[in-house]
Amino acid sequence: MGKTKIDQAFAQVLERGDKAFVPYIMAGDGGLDQLDEQLKLLEDAGATVVELGIAFSDPVADGPTIQEAGLRALENGISLHAVLEHLKKSKEERNIPIVLMTYINPIYSYGVENFAKSCDEAGVDGLIIPDLPLEEENIVVPSLRDYNIALIRLAALTSTKERLTELANRTEGFLYAVTVKGTTGARASFQDNLGEHLASLCDQCDSPVLAGFGVSTPEHVVTLTENCDGVVVGSRIVDLLHKGEHDTIRELISSAQISKVQ
């Protein structure tokens, strides 16, 4: 596939010596009328890409904080269609690349081809689909390629070496290296050999490798990015956004901006 806005954004960040920071937020947590303001906050703070979650009634990868955000969004009447329509209307006012995180059921219900077309019209640059295994990707890949939308693969700690190699070879945009055995959520520490694992993925992957799940402090960001290209931070960002602690969000994102502190 051709170069995407995601590829360009990562190239700019990494070329200046910084690490990529991808915050996750739940679309419609606080109402869709807040979404543009939230995206602007993250972009101005220095986020590389925004991962935008779609509320779903049966999430398999989401821990308690994101599940609660999803419930708040669902109570606000948020749907995949509503989010895409909103993004379409605000497309020209947005510069930061958007990656949607959703599950295969809503996509299938929407209609795969219609979904890919709507993503293109809405300015969505990539997708993360946690419950779509490599063996079933042909459900969506041809339609996504028609619109040059990246499919970002997740690499689990429990995957075999052969599986990790295949994921590294097939991912688009970036490789999402899951740092814990379990669901999302802030954690105090990570397993001892995680740095070695991340470095190995970087050696195998032509795309940037980002560590995600459990990343919640500037110290985590600094430590993890010693061995990879950046981080994805979800539960901590969702919690801080819900509490209105915008300065703490800015501080967390700035911890990836190495060039400013050297």
Protein backbone atom coordinates (compact mmCIF):
# COMPACT_ATOMS: atom_id res chain seq x y z
CA MET A 1 0.00 0.00 0.00
CA GLY A 2 1.03 3.62 -0.43
CA LYS A 3 2.35 5.98 2.23
CA THR A 4 -0.27 7.18 4.70
CA LYS A 5 -0.48 10.20 7.00
CA ILE A 6 0.53 7.77 9.77
CA ASP A 7 3.79 6.94 7.99
CA GLN A 8 4.53 10.63 7.44
CA ALA A 9 3.79 11.53 11.07
CA PHE A 10 6.07 8.82 12.44
CA ALA A 11 8.86 9.76 10.02
CA GLN A 12 8.76 13.40 11.15
CA VAL A 13 8.90 12.49 14.85
CA LEU A 14 11.63 9.85 14.59
CA GLU A 15 13.81 11.91 12.23
CA ARG A 16 14.05 14.73 14.75
CA GLY A 17 15.13 12.29 17.46
CA ASP A 18 11.86 12.09 19.40
CA LYS A 19 9.75 9.05 20.18
CA ALA A 20 6.17 8.60 18.99
CA PHE A 21 3.32 9.08 21.44
CA VAL A 22 -0.11 7.73 20.52
CA PRO A 23 -2.84 8.57 23.03
CA TYR A 24 -6.04 6.55 23.06
CA ILE A 25 -9.38 8.20 23.80
CA MET A 26 -12.92 6.86 23.71
CA ALA A 27 -15.03 8.61 21.07
CA GLY A 28 -18.05 10.19 22.70
CA ASP A 29 -16.89 9.93 26.29
CA GLY A 30 -18.25 13.28 27.42
CA GLY A 31 -20.30 13.59 24.21
CA LEU A 32 -19.30 13.84 20.57
CA ASP A 33 -19.46 17.62 20.83
CA GLN A 34 -16.27 17.37 22.94
CA LEU A 35 -14.34 15.24 20.45
CA ASP A 36 -12.84 17.99 18.29
CA GLU A 37 -11.63 19.85 21.35
CA GLN A 38 -10.10 16.66 22.76
CA LEU A 39 -8.29 15.90 19.49
CA LYS A 40 -6.96 19.48 19.34
CA LEU A 41 -5.68 19.22 22.92
CA LEU A 42 -3.77 16.04 22.08
CA GLU A 43 -2.40 17.40 18.81
CA ASP A 44 -1.23 20.64 20.42
CA ALA A 45 0.41 18.66 23.23
CA GLY A 46 2.55 16.82 20.68
CA ALA A 47 0.74 13.54 20.04
CA THR A 48 1.91 11.78 16.87
CA VAL A 49 -1.33 9.97 16.06
CA VAL A 50 -4.59 9.58 17.99
CA GLU A 51 -6.12 6.16 18.56
CA LEU A 52 -9.87 6.67 18.74
CA GLY A 53 -11.87 3.93 20.42
CA ILE A 54 -15.40 3.02 19.41
CA ALA A 55 -17.68 1.99 22.27
CA PHE A 56 -18.69 -1.67 22.03
CA SER A 57 -20.87 -3.75 24.33
CA ASP A 58 -18.51 -6.76 24.41
CA PRO A 59 -14.87 -5.53 24.40
CA VAL A 60 -12.21 -8.23 24.76
CA ALA A 61 -9.06 -6.11 25.06
CA ASP A 62 -10.30 -3.27 27.28
CA GLY A 63 -9.63 -3.05 30.99
CA PRO A 64 -11.93 -1.37 33.57
CA THR A 65 -11.08 2.29 32.82
CA ILE A 66 -11.75 2.00 29.09
CA GLN A 67 -14.80 -0.20 29.68
CA GLU A 68 -16.26 2.54 31.90
CA ALA A 69 -15.50 5.15 29.23
CA GLY A 70 -17.23 2.94 26.68
CA LEU A 71 -20.31 2.67 28.88
CA ARG A 72 -20.41 6.45 29.25
CA ALA A 73 -20.19 6.81 25.48
CA LEU A 74 -22.93 4.24 24.90
CA GLU A 75 -25.14 6.08 27.39
CA ASN A 76 -24.61 9.17 25.22
CA GLY A 77 -25.97 7.22 22.26
CA ILE A 78 -22.61 6.93 20.50
CA SER A 79 -22.39 4.53 17.55
CA LEU A 80 -19.79 3.72 14.91
CA HIS A 81 -21.91 5.49 12.31
CA ALA A 82 -22.26 8.60 14.48
CA VAL A 83 -18.50 8.80 15.08
CA LEU A 84 -17.67 8.44 11.39
CA GLU A 85 -20.25 11.08 10.45
CA HIS A 86 -18.77 13.46 13.01
CA LEU A 87 -15.22 12.86 11.79
CA LYS A 88 -16.36 13.44 8.21
CA LYS A 89 -17.76 16.86 9.12
CA SER A 90 -14.59 17.93 10.95
CA LYS A 91 -12.11 16.33 8.54
CA GLU A 92 -10.78 19.58 7.06
CA GLU A 93 -10.13 21.09 10.50
CA ARG A 94 -7.94 18.20 11.63
CA ASN A 95 -4.27 17.57 10.87
CA ILE A 96 -3.38 14.70 13.21
CA PRO A 97 -3.76 11.17 11.81
CA ILE A 98 -6.63 9.11 13.25
CA VAL A 99 -6.56 5.37 13.94
CA LEU A 100 -9.88 3.79 14.86
CA MET A 101 -9.87 0.98 17.42
CA THR A 102 -12.96 -1.17 17.03
CA TYR A 103 -14.04 -4.79 16.83
CA ILE A 104 -14.94 -6.91 13.84
CA ASN A 105 -18.64 -7.26 14.73
CA PRO A 106 -19.52 -3.56 14.31
CA ILE A 107 -17.53 -3.47 11.05
CA TYR A 108 -19.30 -6.56 9.74
CA SER A 109 -22.68 -5.14 10.73
CA TYR A 110 -21.85 -1.85 9.02
CA GLY A 111 -20.79 -3.66 5.86
CA VAL A 112 -17.05 -3.96 5.24
CA GLU A 113 -16.95 -2.07 1.94
CA ASN A 114 -19.27 0.67 3.22
CA PHE A 115 -17.19 0.92 6.38
CA ALA A 116 -13.92 1.34 4.46
CA LYS A 117 -15.53 3.99 2.24
CA SER A 118 -16.90 5.84 5.29
CA CYS A 119 -13.48 5.72 6.96
CA ASP A 120 -11.92 7.27 3.87
CA GLU A 121 -14.56 10.01 3.75
CA ALA A 122 -14.02 10.67 7.48
CA GLY A 123 -10.24 10.97 7.17
CA VAL A 124 -9.48 7.80 9.13
CA ASP A 125 -5.93 6.70 8.36
CA GLY A 126 -5.69 3.33 10.12
CA LEU A 127 -7.50 0.61 12.02
CA ILE A 128 -6.83 -1.59 15.03
CA ILE A 129 -9.13 -4.61 15.30
CA PRO A 130 -8.08 -6.65 18.38
CA ASP A 131 -10.35 -9.64 17.74
CA LEU A 132 -9.39 -10.12 14.08
CA PRO A 133 -6.73 -12.85 13.74
CA LEU A 134 -4.30 -12.96 10.83
CA GLU A 135 -6.12 -15.97 9.41
CA GLU A 136 -9.36 -13.98 9.00
CA GLU A 137 -7.92 -10.68 7.75
CA ASN A 138 -9.18 -11.14 4.21
CA ILE A 139 -12.58 -10.13 5.56
CA VAL A 140 -11.34 -6.53 5.59
CA VAL A 141 -7.92 -6.20 3.93
CA PRO A 142 -9.03 -5.86 0.26
CA SER A 143 -11.50 -3.07 1.11
CA LEU A 144 -9.00 -1.24 3.32
CA ARG A 145 -6.35 -1.37 0.61
CA ASP A 146 -8.79 0.16 -1.88
CA TYR A 147 -8.72 3.27 0.32
CA ASN A 148 -5.09 3.09 1.54
CA ILE A 149 -6.17 2.55 5.17
CA ALA A 150 -3.49 0.90 7.33
CA LEU A 151 -4.30 -2.23 9.32
CA ILE A 152 -2.19 -2.14 12.48
CA ARG A 153 -1.40 -5.56 13.94
CA LEU A 154 -1.04 -6.35 17.63
CA ALA A 155 1.85 -8.53 18.79
CA ALA A 156 1.14 -10.36 22.05
CA LEU A 157 3.77 -11.47 24.55
CA THR A 158 2.37 -14.98 24.30
CA SER A 159 2.81 -15.21 20.51
CA THR A 160 5.36 -17.64 19.10
CA LYS A 161 8.52 -16.35 17.41
CA GLU A 162 7.11 -17.42 14.05
CA ARG A 163 3.87 -15.58 14.70
CA LEU A 164 5.70 -12.42 15.80
CA THR A 165 7.78 -12.49 12.61
CA GLU A 166 4.62 -12.77 10.51
CA LEU A 167 2.96 -9.91 12.40
CA ALA A 168 6.07 -7.74 11.99
CA ASN A 169 6.13 -8.43 8.26
CA ARG A 170 2.43 -7.79 7.68
CA THR A 171 1.67 -4.81 9.89
CA GLU A 172 0.95 -1.40 8.34
CA GLY A 173 1.47 2.01 9.98
CA PHE A 174 3.11 0.55 13.06
CA LEU A 175 3.36 -2.65 15.06
CA TYR A 176 1.47 -2.50 18.36
CA ALA A 177 3.59 -4.44 20.85
CA VAL A 178 1.35 -5.47 23.73
CA THR A 179 3.44 -5.20 26.92
CA VAL A 180 1.35 -7.27 29.34
CA LYS A 181 -0.50 -10.55 29.44
CA GLY A 182 -4.04 -9.31 29.87
CA THR A 183 -6.29 -6.36 29.13
CA THR A 184 -5.52 -2.64 29.05
CA GLY A 185 -5.05 -0.70 32.26
CA ALA A 186 -2.41 1.24 34.18
CA ARG A 187 0.25 -0.92 35.84
CA ALA A 188 3.15 -0.28 38.18
CA SER A 189 5.75 -2.38 36.37
CA PHE A 190 6.47 -4.72 33.45
CA GLN A 191 8.18 -8.08 33.09
CA ASP A 192 11.97 -8.10 33.27
CA ASN A 193 12.76 -9.15 29.69
CA LEU A 194 10.36 -6.71 28.03
CA GLY A 195 13.15 -4.48 26.70
CA GLU A 196 14.78 -7.42 24.97
CA HIS A 197 11.42 -8.45 23.49
CA LEU A 198 10.76 -4.94 22.12
CA ALA A 199 14.26 -4.66 20.67
CA SER A 200 13.78 -8.00 18.92
CA LEU A 201 10.53 -6.79 17.34
CA CYS A 202 12.26 -3.63 16.13
CA ASP A 203 14.96 -5.73 14.47
CA GLN A 204 12.29 -7.67 12.56
CA CYS A 205 9.92 -4.87 11.64
CA ASP A 206 10.31 -2.23 8.93
CA SER A 207 7.49 -0.19 10.50
CA PRO A 208 7.80 1.62 13.86
CA VAL A 209 7.23 -0.55 16.93
CA LEU A 210 5.14 0.99 19.72
CA ALA A 211 4.66 -0.43 23.20
CA GLY A 212 1.17 -0.32 24.67
CA PHE A 213 -1.04 -1.62 27.51
CA GLY A 214 -0.18 -0.53 31.03
CA VAL A 215 1.88 2.54 30.09
CA SER A 216 0.87 5.26 32.54
CA THR A 217 3.81 7.44 33.68
CA PRO A 218 6.56 9.55 32.10
CA GLU A 219 9.04 7.05 33.59
CA HIS A 220 7.31 4.21 31.72
CA VAL A 221 7.54 6.19 28.48
CA VAL A 222 11.24 6.91 28.90
CA THR A 223 12.11 3.34 29.92
CA LEU A 224 10.10 1.56 27.23
CA THR A 225 11.25 3.81 24.39
CA GLU A 226 14.86 2.90 25.07
CA ASN A 227 14.04 -0.27 23.11
CA CYS A 228 11.29 0.79 20.68
CA ASP A 229 9.98 3.72 18.64
CA GLY A 230 7.20 4.97 20.90
CA VAL A 231 4.25 4.19 23.12
CA VAL A 232 0.48 3.94 23.07
CA VAL A 233 -1.18 5.23 26.24
CA GLY A 234 -4.86 4.53 26.80
CA SER A 235 -6.32 4.07 30.26
CA ARG A 236 -4.23 6.83 31.84
CA ILE A 237 -5.19 9.35 29.12
CA VAL A 238 -8.86 8.35 29.33
CA ASP A 239 -8.82 8.80 33.11
CA LEU A 240 -7.04 12.17 32.97
CA LEU A 241 -9.33 13.45 30.23
CA HIS A 242 -12.40 12.41 32.22
CA LYS A 243 -11.06 14.30 35.26
CA GLY A 244 -10.09 17.35 33.20
CA GLU A 245 -6.39 17.08 34.15
CA HIS A 246 -5.08 18.51 30.88
CA ASP A 247 -1.71 19.67 32.21
CA THR A 248 -0.88 16.13 33.31
CA ILE A 249 -1.77 14.89 29.82
CA ARG A 250 0.62 17.45 28.31
CA GLU A 251 3.37 16.41 30.73
CA LEU A 252 2.89 12.74 29.86
CA ILE A 253 3.02 13.37 26.12
CA SER A 254 6.08 15.63 26.45
CA SER A 255 8.03 12.77 28.05
CA ALA A 256 8.40 11.29 24.55
CA GLN A 257 9.85 14.52 23.15
CA ILE A 258 13.50 13.68 23.79
CA SER A 259 14.91 16.40 21.55
CA LYS A 260 13.52 19.10 23.85
CA VAL A 261 15.35 17.87 26.93
CA GLN A 262 18.74 17.06 25.42
